[in-house]
Amino acid sequence: MMTTLLQIRSNGQITLPAAVRRQANLKEGDTLELTIEEDGSLHLSPKIAIDRSQAYFWSKRWQAGEQAAQADIESGQTTRFDDIDDALEFLDNAEE
């Protein structure tokens, strides 16, 4: 863990020292999210921009579904099919 003091400059700007940028692997142009906690403390987190058309994939709901699907795969709760006809037959029989 690293702690450093920062000074607020004119226009509310702060400078992250080179050692901080190196340890956090931050580069010029990176985006940071500032969170103000209930106790008034500040938390900076690196963020990446996601194309709007792909944002659904990173929603909590979608990611929960991805995790559930991965758990099913890892526990062997999946069925492989050689072709579409086998898959359709499996689905028809499952309804009975």
PDB file of N, CA and C in Angstrom:
ATOM      1  N   MET A   1       0.849  -1.177   0.000  1.00  0.00           N
ATOM      2  CA  MET A   1       0.000   0.000   0.000  1.00  0.00           C
ATOM      3  C   MET A   1       0.894   1.239   0.000  1.00  0.00           C
ATOM      4  N   MET A   2       0.482   2.223  -0.749  1.00  0.00           N
ATOM      5  CA  MET A   2       1.256   3.459  -0.844  1.00  0.00           C
ATOM      6  C   MET A   2       0.377   4.621  -0.412  1.00  0.00           C
ATOM      7  N   THR A   3       0.939   5.518   0.371  1.00  0.00           N
ATOM      8  CA  THR A   3       0.243   6.736   0.775  1.00  0.00           C
ATOM      9  C   THR A   3       1.110   7.918   0.375  1.00  0.00           C
ATOM     10  N   THR A   4       0.485   8.941  -0.170  1.00  0.00           N
ATOM     11  CA  THR A   4       1.216  10.150  -0.545  1.00  0.00           C
ATOM     12  C   THR A   4       0.322  11.355  -0.327  1.00  0.00           C
ATOM     13  N   LEU A   5       0.920  12.494  -0.090  1.00  0.00           N
ATOM     14  CA  LEU A   5       0.169  13.734   0.071  1.00  0.00           C
ATOM     15  C   LEU A   5       0.103  14.463  -1.266  1.00  0.00           C
ATOM     16  N   LEU A   6      -1.067  15.004  -1.571  1.00  0.00           N
ATOM     17  CA  LEU A   6      -1.276  15.776  -2.791  1.00  0.00           C
ATOM     18  C   LEU A   6      -1.757  17.160  -2.398  1.00  0.00           C
ATOM     19  N   GLN A   7      -1.413  18.135  -3.203  1.00  0.00           N
ATOM     20  CA  GLN A   7      -1.854  19.503  -2.942  1.00  0.00           C
ATOM     21  C   GLN A   7      -2.786  19.937  -4.064  1.00  0.00           C
ATOM     22  N   ILE A   8      -3.900  20.551  -3.683  1.00  0.00           N
ATOM     23  CA  ILE A   8      -4.837  21.063  -4.682  1.00  0.00           C
ATOM     24  C   ILE A   8      -4.284  22.372  -5.222  1.00  0.00           C
ATOM     25  N   ARG A   9      -4.167  22.445  -6.536  1.00  0.00           N
ATOM     26  CA  ARG A   9      -3.618  23.629  -7.210  1.00  0.00           C
ATOM     27  C   ARG A   9      -4.765  24.519  -7.693  1.00  0.00           C
ATOM     28  N   SER A  10      -4.395  25.564  -8.419  1.00  0.00           N
ATOM     29  CA  SER A  10      -5.430  26.446  -8.976  1.00  0.00           C
ATOM     30  C   SER A  10      -6.347  25.631  -9.882  1.00  0.00           C
ATOM     31  N   ASN A  11      -7.556  26.058  -9.997  1.00  0.00           N
ATOM     32  CA  ASN A  11      -8.585  25.362 -10.779  1.00  0.00           C
ATOM     33  C   ASN A  11      -8.884  23.962 -10.242  1.00  0.00           C
ATOM     34  N   GLY A  12      -8.524  23.676  -8.995  1.00  0.00           N
ATOM     35  CA  GLY A  12      -8.846  22.394  -8.381  1.00  0.00           C
ATOM     36  C   GLY A  12      -8.022  21.224  -8.889  1.00  0.00           C
ATOM     37  N   GLN A  13      -6.918  21.472  -9.549  1.00  0.00           N
ATOM     38  CA  GLN A  13      -6.109  20.394 -10.114  1.00  0.00           C
ATOM     39  C   GLN A  13      -5.172  19.790  -9.075  1.00  0.00           C
ATOM     40  N   ILE A  14      -4.938  18.476  -9.233  1.00  0.00           N
ATOM     41  CA  ILE A  14      -3.933  17.777  -8.438  1.00  0.00           C
ATOM     42  C   ILE A  14      -2.993  17.069  -9.404  1.00  0.00           C
ATOM     43  N   THR A  15      -1.783  16.810  -8.947  1.00  0.00           N
ATOM     44  CA  THR A  15      -0.813  16.073  -9.746  1.00  0.00           C
ATOM     45  C   THR A  15      -0.518  14.762  -9.039  1.00  0.00           C
ATOM     46  N   LEU A  16      -0.625  13.653  -9.773  1.00  0.00           N
ATOM     47  CA  LEU A  16      -0.243  12.360  -9.218  1.00  0.00           C
ATOM     48  C   LEU A  16       1.251  12.176  -9.465  1.00  0.00           C
ATOM     49  N   PRO A  17       2.038  11.992  -8.415  1.00  0.00           N
ATOM     50  CA  PRO A  17       3.476  11.823  -8.593  1.00  0.00           C
ATOM     51  C   PRO A  17       3.804  10.620  -9.489  1.00  0.00           C
ATOM     52  N   ALA A  18       4.960  10.682 -10.137  1.00  0.00           N
ATOM     53  CA  ALA A  18       5.378   9.618 -11.056  1.00  0.00           C
ATOM     54  C   ALA A  18       5.371   8.252 -10.379  1.00  0.00           C
ATOM     55  N   ALA A  19       5.807   8.174  -9.126  1.00  0.00           N
ATOM     56  CA  ALA A  19       5.838   6.887  -8.415  1.00  0.00           C
ATOM     57  C   ALA A  19       4.435   6.309  -8.263  1.00  0.00           C
ATOM     58  N   VAL A  20       3.452   7.169  -8.008  1.00  0.00           N
ATOM     59  CA  VAL A  20       2.054   6.729  -7.890  1.00  0.00           C
ATOM     60  C   VAL A  20       1.557   6.230  -9.242  1.00  0.00           C
ATOM     61  N   ARG A  21       1.832   7.000 -10.290  1.00  0.00           N
ATOM     62  CA  ARG A  21       1.391   6.606 -11.635  1.00  0.00           C
ATOM     63  C   ARG A  21       2.015   5.276 -12.043  1.00  0.00           C
ATOM     64  N   ARG A  22       3.285   5.099 -11.725  1.00  0.00           N
ATOM     65  CA  ARG A  22       3.960   3.836 -12.066  1.00  0.00           C
ATOM     66  C   ARG A  22       3.330   2.664 -11.322  1.00  0.00           C
ATOM     67  N   GLN A  23       3.170   2.802 -10.012  1.00  0.00           N
ATOM     68  CA  GLN A  23       2.636   1.698  -9.210  1.00  0.00           C
ATOM     69  C   GLN A  23       1.208   1.347  -9.632  1.00  0.00           C
ATOM     70  N   ALA A  24       0.421   2.352  -9.995  1.00  0.00           N
ATOM     71  CA  ALA A  24      -0.971   2.122 -10.412  1.00  0.00           C
ATOM     72  C   ALA A  24      -1.082   1.848 -11.911  1.00  0.00           C
ATOM     73  N   ASN A  25       0.050   1.853 -12.612  1.00  0.00           N
ATOM     74  CA  ASN A  25       0.077   1.624 -14.061  1.00  0.00           C
ATOM     75  C   ASN A  25      -0.830   2.608 -14.798  1.00  0.00           C
ATOM     76  N   LEU A  26      -0.732   3.873 -14.438  1.00  0.00           N
ATOM     77  CA  LEU A  26      -1.538   4.925 -15.057  1.00  0.00           C
ATOM     78  C   LEU A  26      -0.716   5.659 -16.102  1.00  0.00           C
ATOM     79  N   LYS A  27      -1.367   5.967 -17.206  1.00  0.00           N
ATOM     80  CA  LYS A  27      -0.726   6.691 -18.303  1.00  0.00           C
ATOM     81  C   LYS A  27      -1.504   7.975 -18.578  1.00  0.00           C
ATOM     82  N   GLU A  28      -0.857   8.914 -19.256  1.00  0.00           N
ATOM     83  CA  GLU A  28      -1.530  10.150 -19.652  1.00  0.00           C
ATOM     84  C   GLU A  28      -2.767   9.804 -20.473  1.00  0.00           C
ATOM     85  N   GLY A  29      -3.882  10.445 -20.154  1.00  0.00           N
ATOM     86  CA  GLY A  29      -5.131  10.207 -20.874  1.00  0.00           C
ATOM     87  C   GLY A  29      -6.033   9.173 -20.220  1.00  0.00           C
ATOM     88  N   ASP A  30      -5.514   8.405 -19.232  1.00  0.00           N
ATOM     89  CA  ASP A  30      -6.351   7.430 -18.530  1.00  0.00           C
ATOM     90  C   ASP A  30      -7.481   8.152 -17.799  1.00  0.00           C
ATOM     91  N   THR A  31      -8.577   7.442 -17.589  1.00  0.00           N
ATOM     92  CA  THR A  31      -9.736   7.989 -16.890  1.00  0.00           C
ATOM     93  C   THR A  31      -9.779   7.435 -15.472  1.00  0.00           C
ATOM     94  N   LEU A  32     -10.032   8.317 -14.508  1.00  0.00           N
ATOM     95  CA  LEU A  32     -10.171   7.914 -13.113  1.00  0.00           C
ATOM     96  C   LEU A  32     -11.561   8.290 -12.619  1.00  0.00           C
ATOM     97  N   GLU A  33     -12.132   7.425 -11.785  1.00  0.00           N
ATOM     98  CA  GLU A  33     -13.415   7.720 -11.144  1.00  0.00           C
ATOM     99  C   GLU A  33     -13.133   8.132  -9.701  1.00  0.00           C
ATOM    100  N   LEU A  34     -13.715   9.248  -9.282  1.00  0.00           N
ATOM    101  CA  LEU A  34     -13.573   9.723  -7.908  1.00  0.00           C
ATOM    102  C   LEU A  34     -14.853   9.407  -7.148  1.00  0.00           C
ATOM    103  N   THR A  35     -14.717   8.672  -6.047  1.00  0.00           N
ATOM    104  CA  THR A  35     -15.849   8.354  -5.185  1.00  0.00           C
ATOM    105  C   THR A  35     -15.633   9.051  -3.846  1.00  0.00           C
ATOM    106  N   ILE A  36     -16.652   9.758  -3.385  1.00  0.00           N
ATOM    107  CA  ILE A  36     -16.603  10.381  -2.064  1.00  0.00           C
ATOM    108  C   ILE A  36     -17.394   9.479  -1.123  1.00  0.00           C
ATOM    109  N   GLU A  37     -16.700   8.894  -0.164  1.00  0.00           N
ATOM    110  CA  GLU A  37     -17.323   7.965   0.780  1.00  0.00           C
ATOM    111  C   GLU A  37     -18.163   8.742   1.797  1.00  0.00           C
ATOM    112  N   GLU A  38     -19.022   8.019   2.511  1.00  0.00           N
ATOM    113  CA  GLU A  38     -19.891   8.662   3.503  1.00  0.00           C
ATOM    114  C   GLU A  38     -19.098   9.391   4.579  1.00  0.00           C
ATOM    115  N   ASP A  39     -17.912   8.883   4.894  1.00  0.00           N
ATOM    116  CA  ASP A  39     -17.091   9.526   5.926  1.00  0.00           C
ATOM    117  C   ASP A  39     -16.275  10.695   5.376  1.00  0.00           C
ATOM    118  N   GLY A  40     -16.471  11.029   4.088  1.00  0.00           N
ATOM    119  CA  GLY A  40     -15.770  12.146   3.474  1.00  0.00           C
ATOM    120  C   GLY A  40     -14.456  11.780   2.814  1.00  0.00           C
ATOM    121  N   SER A  41     -14.016  10.530   2.982  1.00  0.00           N
ATOM    122  CA  SER A  41     -12.762  10.125   2.342  1.00  0.00           C
ATOM    123  C   SER A  41     -12.972   9.982   0.833  1.00  0.00           C
ATOM    124  N   LEU A  42     -11.888  10.132   0.097  1.00  0.00           N
ATOM    125  CA  LEU A  42     -11.924  10.076  -1.364  1.00  0.00           C
ATOM    126  C   LEU A  42     -11.270   8.790  -1.840  1.00  0.00           C
ATOM    127  N   HIS A  43     -11.811   8.240  -2.917  1.00  0.00           N
ATOM    128  CA  HIS A  43     -11.270   7.008  -3.487  1.00  0.00           C
ATOM    129  C   HIS A  43     -11.179   7.182  -4.997  1.00  0.00           C
ATOM    130  N   LEU A  44      -9.992   7.024  -5.567  1.00  0.00           N
ATOM    131  CA  LEU A  44      -9.792   7.104  -7.017  1.00  0.00           C
ATOM    132  C   LEU A  44      -9.647   5.695  -7.571  1.00  0.00           C
ATOM    133  N   SER A  45     -10.367   5.407  -8.658  1.00  0.00           N
ATOM    134  CA  SER A  45     -10.285   4.100  -9.317  1.00  0.00           C
ATOM    135  C   SER A  45     -10.102   4.293 -10.813  1.00  0.00           C
ATOM    136  N   PRO A  46      -9.143   3.581 -11.417  1.00  0.00           N
ATOM    137  CA  PRO A  46      -8.998   3.650 -12.874  1.00  0.00           C
ATOM    138  C   PRO A  46     -10.230   3.041 -13.547  1.00  0.00           C
ATOM    139  N   LYS A  47     -10.682   3.657 -14.615  1.00  0.00           N
ATOM    140  CA  LYS A  47     -11.831   3.161 -15.374  1.00  0.00           C
ATOM    141  C   LYS A  47     -11.481   3.177 -16.851  1.00  0.00           C
ATOM    142  N   ILE A  48     -12.141   2.305 -17.604  1.00  0.00           N
ATOM    143  CA  ILE A  48     -11.986   2.335 -19.052  1.00  0.00           C
ATOM    144  C   ILE A  48     -13.326   2.699 -19.666  1.00  0.00           C
ATOM    145  N   ALA A  49     -13.271   3.381 -20.782  1.00  0.00           N
ATOM    146  CA  ALA A  49     -14.501   3.747 -21.489  1.00  0.00           C
ATOM    147  C   ALA A  49     -14.998   2.527 -22.253  1.00  0.00           C
ATOM    148  N   ILE A  50     -16.292   2.307 -22.199  1.00  0.00           N
ATOM    149  CA  ILE A  50     -16.915   1.188 -22.907  1.00  0.00           C
ATOM    150  C   ILE A  50     -17.853   1.761 -23.948  1.00  0.00           C
ATOM    151  N   ASP A  51     -17.762   1.245 -25.158  1.00  0.00           N
ATOM    152  CA  ASP A  51     -18.660   1.670 -26.221  1.00  0.00           C
ATOM    153  C   ASP A  51     -20.103   1.470 -25.758  1.00  0.00           C
ATOM    154  N   ARG A  52     -20.947   2.446 -25.996  1.00  0.00           N
ATOM    155  CA  ARG A  52     -22.335   2.398 -25.532  1.00  0.00           C
ATOM    156  C   ARG A  52     -23.047   1.129 -26.003  1.00  0.00           C
ATOM    157  N   SER A  53     -22.750   0.679 -27.223  1.00  0.00           N
ATOM    158  CA  SER A  53     -23.423  -0.513 -27.754  1.00  0.00           C
ATOM    159  C   SER A  53     -23.008  -1.784 -27.011  1.00  0.00           C
ATOM    160  N   GLN A  54     -21.922  -1.736 -26.245  1.00  0.00           N
ATOM    161  CA  GLN A  54     -21.449  -2.895 -25.492  1.00  0.00           C
ATOM    162  C   GLN A  54     -21.704  -2.774 -23.990  1.00  0.00           C
ATOM    163  N   ALA A  55     -22.278  -1.673 -23.558  1.00  0.00           N
ATOM    164  CA  ALA A  55     -22.448  -1.415 -22.126  1.00  0.00           C
ATOM    165  C   ALA A  55     -23.328  -2.464 -21.443  1.00  0.00           C
ATOM    166  N   TYR A  56     -24.328  -3.004 -22.149  1.00  0.00           N
ATOM    167  CA  TYR A  56     -25.222  -4.003 -21.542  1.00  0.00           C
ATOM    168  C   TYR A  56     -24.419  -5.183 -20.996  1.00  0.00           C
ATOM    169  N   PHE A  57     -23.358  -5.573 -21.725  1.00  0.00           N
ATOM    170  CA  PHE A  57     -22.582  -6.751 -21.348  1.00  0.00           C
ATOM    171  C   PHE A  57     -21.953  -6.583 -19.970  1.00  0.00           C
ATOM    172  N   TRP A  58     -21.631  -5.363 -19.600  1.00  0.00           N
ATOM    173  CA  TRP A  58     -20.958  -5.106 -18.335  1.00  0.00           C
ATOM    174  C   TRP A  58     -21.929  -4.730 -17.216  1.00  0.00           C
ATOM    175  N   SER A  59     -23.240  -4.799 -17.476  1.00  0.00           N
ATOM    176  CA  SER A  59     -24.212  -4.518 -16.420  1.00  0.00           C
ATOM    177  C   SER A  59     -24.164  -5.638 -15.373  1.00  0.00           C
ATOM    178  N   LYS A  60     -24.546  -5.326 -14.140  1.00  0.00           N
ATOM    179  CA  LYS A  60     -24.529  -6.327 -13.068  1.00  0.00           C
ATOM    180  C   LYS A  60     -25.409  -7.522 -13.424  1.00  0.00           C
ATOM    181  N   ARG A  61     -26.570  -7.251 -14.009  1.00  0.00           N
ATOM    182  CA  ARG A  61     -27.498  -8.334 -14.354  1.00  0.00           C
ATOM    183  C   ARG A  61     -26.878  -9.276 -15.384  1.00  0.00           C
ATOM    184  N   TRP A  62     -26.278  -8.704 -16.434  1.00  0.00           N
ATOM    185  CA  TRP A  62     -25.697  -9.546 -17.481  1.00  0.00           C
ATOM    186  C   TRP A  62     -24.508 -10.337 -16.933  1.00  0.00           C
ATOM    187  N   GLN A  63     -23.672  -9.688 -16.134  1.00  0.00           N
ATOM    188  CA  GLN A  63     -22.508 -10.370 -15.580  1.00  0.00           C
ATOM    189  C   GLN A  63     -22.914 -11.496 -14.629  1.00  0.00           C
ATOM    190  N   ALA A  64     -24.024 -11.330 -13.904  1.00  0.00           N
ATOM    191  CA  ALA A  64     -24.526 -12.409 -13.047  1.00  0.00           C
ATOM    192  C   ALA A  64     -24.916 -13.607 -13.901  1.00  0.00           C
ATOM    193  N   GLY A  65     -25.554 -13.356 -15.040  1.00  0.00           N
ATOM    194  CA  GLY A  65     -25.906 -14.435 -15.962  1.00  0.00           C
ATOM    195  C   GLY A  65     -24.674 -15.114 -16.537  1.00  0.00           C
ATOM    196  N   GLU A  66     -23.653 -14.326 -16.861  1.00  0.00           N
ATOM    197  CA  GLU A  66     -22.396 -14.893 -17.372  1.00  0.00           C
ATOM    198  C   GLU A  66     -21.753 -15.801 -16.324  1.00  0.00           C
ATOM    199  N   GLN A  67     -21.762 -15.366 -15.064  1.00  0.00           N
ATOM    200  CA  GLN A  67     -21.177 -16.176 -13.996  1.00  0.00           C
ATOM    201  C   GLN A  67     -21.960 -17.467 -13.795  1.00  0.00           C
ATOM    202  N   ALA A  68     -23.291 -17.387 -13.864  1.00  0.00           N
ATOM    203  CA  ALA A  68     -24.120 -18.585 -13.717  1.00  0.00           C
ATOM    204  C   ALA A  68     -23.857 -19.558 -14.865  1.00  0.00           C
ATOM    205  N   ALA A  69     -23.753 -19.036 -16.078  1.00  0.00           N
ATOM    206  CA  ALA A  69     -23.477 -19.893 -17.238  1.00  0.00           C
ATOM    207  C   ALA A  69     -22.110 -20.554 -17.104  1.00  0.00           C
ATOM    208  N   GLN A  70     -21.114 -19.797 -16.661  1.00  0.00           N
ATOM    209  CA  GLN A  70     -19.768 -20.359 -16.489  1.00  0.00           C
ATOM    210  C   GLN A  70     -19.775 -21.448 -15.427  1.00  0.00           C
ATOM    211  N   ALA A  71     -20.530 -21.246 -14.352  1.00  0.00           N
ATOM    212  CA  ALA A  71     -20.631 -22.260 -13.295  1.00  0.00           C
ATOM    213  C   ALA A  71     -21.265 -23.533 -13.842  1.00  0.00           C
ATOM    214  N   ASP A  72     -22.296 -23.402 -14.686  1.00  0.00           N
ATOM    215  CA  ASP A  72     -22.920 -24.571 -15.311  1.00  0.00           C
ATOM    216  C   ASP A  72     -21.923 -25.313 -16.190  1.00  0.00           C
ATOM    217  N   ILE A  73     -21.142 -24.578 -16.961  1.00  0.00           N
ATOM    218  CA  ILE A  73     -20.144 -25.201 -17.834  1.00  0.00           C
ATOM    219  C   ILE A  73     -19.114 -25.954 -17.002  1.00  0.00           C
ATOM    220  N   GLU A  74     -18.601 -25.307 -15.956  1.00  0.00           N
ATOM    221  CA  GLU A  74     -17.568 -25.919 -15.124  1.00  0.00           C
ATOM    222  C   GLU A  74     -18.070 -27.131 -14.356  1.00  0.00           C
ATOM    223  N   SER A  75     -19.359 -27.171 -14.029  1.00  0.00           N
ATOM    224  CA  SER A  75     -19.908 -28.308 -13.285  1.00  0.00           C
ATOM    225  C   SER A  75     -20.469 -29.388 -14.205  1.00  0.00           C
ATOM    226  N   GLY A  76     -20.319 -29.214 -15.518  1.00  0.00           N
ATOM    227  CA  GLY A  76     -20.755 -30.237 -16.464  1.00  0.00           C
ATOM    228  C   GLY A  76     -22.251 -30.255 -16.718  1.00  0.00           C
ATOM    229  N   GLN A  77     -22.944 -29.182 -16.402  1.00  0.00           N
ATOM    230  CA  GLN A  77     -24.390 -29.134 -16.595  1.00  0.00           C
ATOM    231  C   GLN A  77     -24.748 -28.573 -17.969  1.00  0.00           C
ATOM    232  N   THR A  78     -24.047 -29.042 -18.977  1.00  0.00           N
ATOM    233  CA  THR A  78     -24.314 -28.619 -20.351  1.00  0.00           C
ATOM    234  C   THR A  78     -24.388 -29.847 -21.243  1.00  0.00           C
ATOM    235  N   THR A  79     -24.965 -29.694 -22.404  1.00  0.00           N
ATOM    236  CA  THR A  79     -25.059 -30.781 -23.375  1.00  0.00           C
ATOM    237  C   THR A  79     -24.525 -30.287 -24.705  1.00  0.00           C
ATOM    238  N   ARG A  80     -23.640 -31.082 -25.326  1.00  0.00           N
ATOM    239  CA  ARG A  80     -23.092 -30.740 -26.645  1.00  0.00           C
ATOM    240  C   ARG A  80     -23.876 -31.498 -27.713  1.00  0.00           C
ATOM    241  N   PHE A  81     -24.025 -30.853 -28.860  1.00  0.00           N
ATOM    242  CA  PHE A  81     -24.745 -31.457 -29.981  1.00  0.00           C
ATOM    243  C   PHE A  81     -23.867 -31.421 -31.224  1.00  0.00           C
ATOM    244  N   ASP A  82     -24.001 -32.466 -32.056  1.00  0.00           N
ATOM    245  CA  ASP A  82     -23.235 -32.526 -33.305  1.00  0.00           C
ATOM    246  C   ASP A  82     -23.848 -31.643 -34.377  1.00  0.00           C
ATOM    247  N   ASP A  83     -25.168 -31.470 -34.310  1.00  0.00           N
ATOM    248  CA  ASP A  83     -25.828 -30.641 -35.319  1.00  0.00           C
ATOM    249  C   ASP A  83     -27.139 -30.101 -34.754  1.00  0.00           C
ATOM    250  N   ILE A  84     -27.770 -29.239 -35.525  1.00  0.00           N
ATOM    251  CA  ILE A  84     -29.002 -28.578 -35.070  1.00  0.00           C
ATOM    252  C   ILE A  84     -30.143 -29.567 -34.864  1.00  0.00           C
ATOM    253  N   ASP A  85     -30.181 -30.617 -35.682  1.00  0.00           N
ATOM    254  CA  ASP A  85     -31.256 -31.607 -35.541  1.00  0.00           C
ATOM    255  C   ASP A  85     -31.188 -32.295 -34.182  1.00  0.00           C
ATOM    256  N   ASP A  86     -29.989 -32.646 -33.739  1.00  0.00           N
ATOM    257  CA  ASP A  86     -29.838 -33.260 -32.416  1.00  0.00           C
ATOM    258  C   ASP A  86     -30.281 -32.298 -31.311  1.00  0.00           C
ATOM    259  N   ALA A  87     -29.953 -31.029 -31.465  1.00  0.00           N
ATOM    260  CA  ALA A  87     -30.343 -30.033 -30.467  1.00  0.00           C
ATOM    261  C   ALA A  87     -31.861 -29.885 -30.414  1.00  0.00           C
ATOM    262  N   LEU A  88     -32.501 -29.811 -31.578  1.00  0.00           N
ATOM    263  CA  LEU A  88     -33.958 -29.679 -31.615  1.00  0.00           C
ATOM    264  C   LEU A  88     -34.642 -30.910 -31.038  1.00  0.00           C
ATOM    265  N   GLU A  89     -34.106 -32.090 -31.324  1.00  0.00           N
ATOM    266  CA  GLU A  89     -34.671 -33.320 -30.769  1.00  0.00           C
ATOM    267  C   GLU A  89     -34.555 -33.312 -29.243  1.00  0.00           C
ATOM    268  N   PHE A  90     -33.422 -32.874 -28.728  1.00  0.00           N
ATOM    269  CA  PHE A  90     -33.219 -32.771 -27.286  1.00  0.00           C
ATOM    270  C   PHE A  90     -34.260 -31.836 -26.666  1.00  0.00           C
ATOM    271  N   LEU A  91     -34.482 -30.688 -27.306  1.00  0.00           N
ATOM    272  CA  LEU A  91     -35.459 -29.729 -26.791  1.00  0.00           C
ATOM    273  C   LEU A  91     -36.876 -30.272 -26.855  1.00  0.00           C
ATOM    274  N   ASP A  92     -37.213 -30.964 -27.933  1.00  0.00           N
ATOM    275  CA  ASP A  92     -38.548 -31.561 -28.046  1.00  0.00           C
ATOM    276  C   ASP A  92     -38.774 -32.579 -26.939  1.00  0.00           C
ATOM    277  N   ASN A  93     -37.778 -33.408 -26.655  1.00  0.00           N
ATOM    278  CA  ASN A  93     -37.904 -34.431 -25.616  1.00  0.00           C
ATOM    279  C   ASN A  93     -37.923 -33.818 -24.218  1.00  0.00           C
ATOM    280  N   ALA A  94     -37.297 -32.683 -24.040  1.00  0.00           N
ATOM    281  CA  ALA A  94     -37.257 -32.030 -22.730  1.00  0.00           C
ATOM    282  C   ALA A  94     -38.619 -31.490 -22.334  1.00  0.00           C
ATOM    283  N   GLU A  95     -39.457 -31.177 -23.323  1.00  0.00           N
ATOM    284  CA  GLU A  95     -40.784 -30.625 -23.036  1.00  0.00           C
ATOM    285  C   GLU A  95     -41.747 -31.687 -22.542  1.00  0.00           C
ATOM    286  N   GLU A  96     -41.424 -32.948 -22.752  1.00  0.00           N
ATOM    287  CA  GLU A  96     -42.341 -34.037 -22.374  1.00  0.00           C
ATOM    288  C   GLU A  96     -42.308 -34.356 -20.918  1.00  0.00           C
TER     289      GLU A  96
END
